[in-house]
Amino acid sequence: MFEGETPVYWVIPKYDFVAEHRIFNKGEKYPVYARDYEYTLVGENGSFNFTDIGFKRLMKAWKPDVDFEEVTDDVKSES
């Protein structure tokens, strides 16, 4: 589904947690892909789909719990 695609963000949890049965482990990097007006966050055992507004709300709500690392063109060119 996302093979060969570059994420637009990495979600890096500050501790282990579960959100709606999706597992996120401390220190792991979970990709967020942008596709056709939506974002997909891929966890250990499933993914979430968000609209642009929904993803911005998620970033605000999860800010205390995770770091969001934006993937820049410099990082993309290193891949």
N, C-alpha and C. Protein backbone atom coordinates (compact mmCIF):
# COMPACT_ATOMS: atom_id res chain seq x y z
N MET A 1 0.82 -1.19 0.00
CA MET A 1 0.00 0.00 0.00
C MET A 1 0.86 1.26 0.00
N PHE A 2 1.88 1.31 0.87
CA PHE A 2 2.73 2.49 0.95
C PHE A 2 4.17 2.17 0.54
N GLU A 3 4.39 1.00 -0.02
CA GLU A 3 5.74 0.59 -0.38
C GLU A 3 6.36 1.60 -1.34
N GLY A 4 7.54 2.06 -1.00
CA GLY A 4 8.25 3.01 -1.84
C GLY A 4 7.86 4.46 -1.59
N GLU A 5 6.81 4.70 -0.83
CA GLU A 5 6.40 6.07 -0.53
C GLU A 5 7.18 6.60 0.66
N THR A 6 7.44 7.88 0.67
CA THR A 6 8.14 8.53 1.77
C THR A 6 7.12 9.15 2.71
N PRO A 7 7.25 8.89 4.01
CA PRO A 7 6.33 9.52 4.94
C PRO A 7 6.52 11.03 4.99
N VAL A 8 5.50 11.74 5.44
CA VAL A 8 5.60 13.19 5.62
C VAL A 8 5.95 13.53 7.07
N TYR A 9 5.65 12.60 7.99
CA TYR A 9 5.99 12.75 9.40
C TYR A 9 6.37 11.40 9.96
N TRP A 10 7.15 11.44 11.04
CA TRP A 10 7.36 10.28 11.90
C TRP A 10 6.71 10.61 13.24
N VAL A 11 6.00 9.67 13.81
CA VAL A 11 5.45 9.79 15.15
C VAL A 11 6.33 8.94 16.05
N ILE A 12 6.89 9.58 17.10
CA ILE A 12 7.83 8.90 17.99
C ILE A 12 7.28 8.98 19.42
N PRO A 13 6.70 7.89 19.93
CA PRO A 13 6.11 7.90 21.26
C PRO A 13 7.16 8.10 22.37
N LYS A 14 6.74 8.81 23.43
CA LYS A 14 7.59 9.05 24.58
C LYS A 14 7.47 7.90 25.59
N TYR A 15 6.47 7.06 25.43
CA TYR A 15 6.25 5.87 26.25
C TYR A 15 5.32 4.94 25.47
N ASP A 16 5.24 3.68 25.88
CA ASP A 16 4.34 2.71 25.23
C ASP A 16 2.90 3.10 25.51
N PHE A 17 2.05 3.03 24.49
CA PHE A 17 0.63 3.25 24.70
C PHE A 17 -0.19 2.59 23.60
N VAL A 18 -1.50 2.50 23.86
CA VAL A 18 -2.44 1.93 22.90
C VAL A 18 -3.52 2.97 22.65
N ALA A 19 -3.85 3.19 21.39
CA ALA A 19 -4.91 4.10 21.00
C ALA A 19 -5.88 3.35 20.08
N GLU A 20 -7.10 3.18 20.54
CA GLU A 20 -8.11 2.45 19.78
C GLU A 20 -7.57 1.12 19.25
N HIS A 21 -6.94 0.39 20.13
CA HIS A 21 -6.39 -0.94 19.87
C HIS A 21 -5.16 -0.94 18.97
N ARG A 22 -4.63 0.24 18.61
CA ARG A 22 -3.39 0.29 17.84
C ARG A 22 -2.24 0.53 18.82
N ILE A 23 -1.19 -0.26 18.68
CA ILE A 23 -0.07 -0.24 19.61
C ILE A 23 1.03 0.69 19.10
N PHE A 24 1.58 1.49 20.03
CA PHE A 24 2.70 2.38 19.75
C PHE A 24 3.74 2.19 20.84
N ASN A 25 4.96 1.83 20.45
CA ASN A 25 6.02 1.53 21.40
C ASN A 25 6.99 2.70 21.55
N LYS A 26 7.41 2.94 22.77
CA LYS A 26 8.33 4.03 23.09
C LYS A 26 9.56 4.00 22.19
N GLY A 27 9.88 5.16 21.63
CA GLY A 27 11.10 5.31 20.85
C GLY A 27 11.05 4.81 19.42
N GLU A 28 10.01 4.06 19.07
CA GLU A 28 9.88 3.59 17.68
C GLU A 28 9.41 4.75 16.81
N LYS A 29 9.67 4.66 15.52
CA LYS A 29 9.23 5.68 14.57
C LYS A 29 8.11 5.12 13.72
N TYR A 30 6.95 5.76 13.80
CA TYR A 30 5.78 5.32 13.05
C TYR A 30 5.49 6.32 11.93
N PRO A 31 5.36 5.85 10.70
CA PRO A 31 5.20 6.77 9.57
C PRO A 31 3.78 7.32 9.42
N VAL A 32 3.74 8.54 8.92
CA VAL A 32 2.48 9.18 8.53
C VAL A 32 2.62 9.51 7.05
N TYR A 33 1.70 9.02 6.25
CA TYR A 33 1.71 9.25 4.81
C TYR A 33 0.58 10.20 4.42
N ALA A 34 0.84 11.08 3.47
CA ALA A 34 -0.18 11.97 2.95
C ALA A 34 -0.60 11.45 1.58
N ARG A 35 -1.90 11.26 1.42
CA ARG A 35 -2.42 10.74 0.15
C ARG A 35 -3.82 11.29 -0.09
N ASP A 36 -4.02 11.91 -1.23
CA ASP A 36 -5.36 12.32 -1.67
C ASP A 36 -6.20 12.95 -0.55
N TYR A 37 -5.72 14.03 0.00
CA TYR A 37 -6.47 14.80 1.00
C TYR A 37 -6.67 14.07 2.33
N GLU A 38 -5.84 13.10 2.60
CA GLU A 38 -5.92 12.44 3.91
C GLU A 38 -4.53 12.02 4.36
N TYR A 39 -4.44 11.78 5.64
CA TYR A 39 -3.19 11.29 6.25
C TYR A 39 -3.45 9.91 6.80
N THR A 40 -2.45 9.03 6.69
CA THR A 40 -2.53 7.70 7.27
C THR A 40 -1.37 7.51 8.22
N LEU A 41 -1.69 7.22 9.49
CA LEU A 41 -0.70 6.93 10.52
C LEU A 41 -0.68 5.43 10.71
N VAL A 42 0.49 4.82 10.54
CA VAL A 42 0.62 3.37 10.63
C VAL A 42 1.24 3.00 11.98
N GLY A 43 0.48 2.24 12.79
CA GLY A 43 0.96 1.76 14.08
C GLY A 43 1.49 0.34 13.95
N GLU A 44 1.74 -0.31 15.09
CA GLU A 44 2.27 -1.68 15.10
C GLU A 44 1.28 -2.67 14.47
N ASN A 45 0.01 -2.47 14.73
CA ASN A 45 -0.97 -3.48 14.33
C ASN A 45 -2.18 -2.88 13.62
N GLY A 46 -1.98 -1.79 12.93
CA GLY A 46 -3.08 -1.19 12.20
C GLY A 46 -2.81 0.28 11.94
N SER A 47 -3.70 0.90 11.22
CA SER A 47 -3.48 2.30 10.86
C SER A 47 -4.73 3.12 11.11
N PHE A 48 -4.53 4.44 11.14
CA PHE A 48 -5.59 5.42 11.26
C PHE A 48 -5.59 6.27 10.00
N ASN A 49 -6.76 6.68 9.53
CA ASN A 49 -6.88 7.65 8.45
C ASN A 49 -7.50 8.92 9.00
N PHE A 50 -6.94 10.07 8.61
CA PHE A 50 -7.40 11.37 9.08
C PHE A 50 -7.54 12.34 7.92
N THR A 51 -8.50 13.24 8.04
CA THR A 51 -8.53 14.39 7.14
C THR A 51 -7.44 15.35 7.61
N ASP A 52 -7.20 16.41 6.86
CA ASP A 52 -6.19 17.40 7.26
C ASP A 52 -6.54 17.99 8.63
N ILE A 53 -7.79 18.35 8.82
CA ILE A 53 -8.22 18.92 10.10
C ILE A 53 -8.08 17.89 11.22
N GLY A 54 -8.47 16.66 10.96
CA GLY A 54 -8.34 15.60 11.95
C GLY A 54 -6.91 15.34 12.35
N PHE A 55 -6.00 15.37 11.38
CA PHE A 55 -4.60 15.13 11.71
C PHE A 55 -4.02 16.28 12.53
N LYS A 56 -4.40 17.51 12.21
CA LYS A 56 -3.94 18.66 13.00
C LYS A 56 -4.45 18.55 14.44
N ARG A 57 -5.67 18.09 14.61
CA ARG A 57 -6.22 17.89 15.96
C ARG A 57 -5.47 16.78 16.69
N LEU A 58 -5.14 15.71 15.97
CA LEU A 58 -4.37 14.62 16.57
C LEU A 58 -3.01 15.13 17.03
N MET A 59 -2.34 15.91 16.20
CA MET A 59 -1.03 16.43 16.57
C MET A 59 -1.11 17.26 17.85
N LYS A 60 -2.15 18.05 17.97
CA LYS A 60 -2.33 18.88 19.17
C LYS A 60 -2.62 18.00 20.39
N ALA A 61 -3.52 17.02 20.22
CA ALA A 61 -3.92 16.16 21.34
C ALA A 61 -2.78 15.25 21.80
N TRP A 62 -1.97 14.75 20.87
CA TRP A 62 -0.91 13.81 21.21
C TRP A 62 0.42 14.49 21.54
N LYS A 63 0.50 15.79 21.40
CA LYS A 63 1.77 16.49 21.62
C LYS A 63 2.45 16.14 22.94
N PRO A 64 1.72 16.00 24.06
CA PRO A 64 2.39 15.63 25.31
C PRO A 64 2.94 14.20 25.30
N ASP A 65 2.43 13.35 24.42
CA ASP A 65 2.75 11.93 24.44
C ASP A 65 3.72 11.46 23.37
N VAL A 66 3.83 12.22 22.29
CA VAL A 66 4.70 11.81 21.17
C VAL A 66 5.43 13.02 20.61
N ASP A 67 6.52 12.74 19.91
CA ASP A 67 7.19 13.76 19.11
C ASP A 67 6.79 13.55 17.67
N PHE A 68 6.49 14.64 16.98
CA PHE A 68 6.20 14.59 15.54
C PHE A 68 7.41 15.14 14.83
N GLU A 69 8.04 14.31 14.02
CA GLU A 69 9.22 14.70 13.26
C GLU A 69 8.83 14.85 11.79
N GLU A 70 8.87 16.08 11.30
CA GLU A 70 8.50 16.31 9.91
C GLU A 70 9.62 15.82 9.00
N VAL A 71 9.26 15.13 7.94
CA VAL A 71 10.23 14.65 6.96
C VAL A 71 10.45 15.77 5.96
N THR A 72 11.67 16.26 5.88
CA THR A 72 12.00 17.36 4.98
C THR A 72 12.57 16.84 3.68
N ASP A 73 12.72 17.72 2.70
CA ASP A 73 13.31 17.32 1.42
C ASP A 73 14.73 16.80 1.60
N ASP A 74 15.47 17.33 2.58
CA ASP A 74 16.83 16.84 2.85
C ASP A 74 16.80 15.39 3.26
N VAL A 75 15.87 15.02 4.13
CA VAL A 75 15.74 13.65 4.59
C VAL A 75 15.28 12.77 3.44
N LYS A 76 14.34 13.24 2.61
CA LYS A 76 13.85 12.45 1.49
C LYS A 76 14.97 12.14 0.50
N SER A 77 15.86 13.10 0.26
CA SER A 77 16.91 12.88 -0.72
C SER A 77 17.97 11.90 -0.22
N GLU A 78 18.05 11.69 1.11
CA GLU A 78 19.00 10.75 1.67
C GLU A 78 18.51 9.30 1.52
N SER A 79 17.21 9.12 1.32
CA SER A 79 16.63 7.77 1.25
C SER A 79 17.05 7.05 0.00
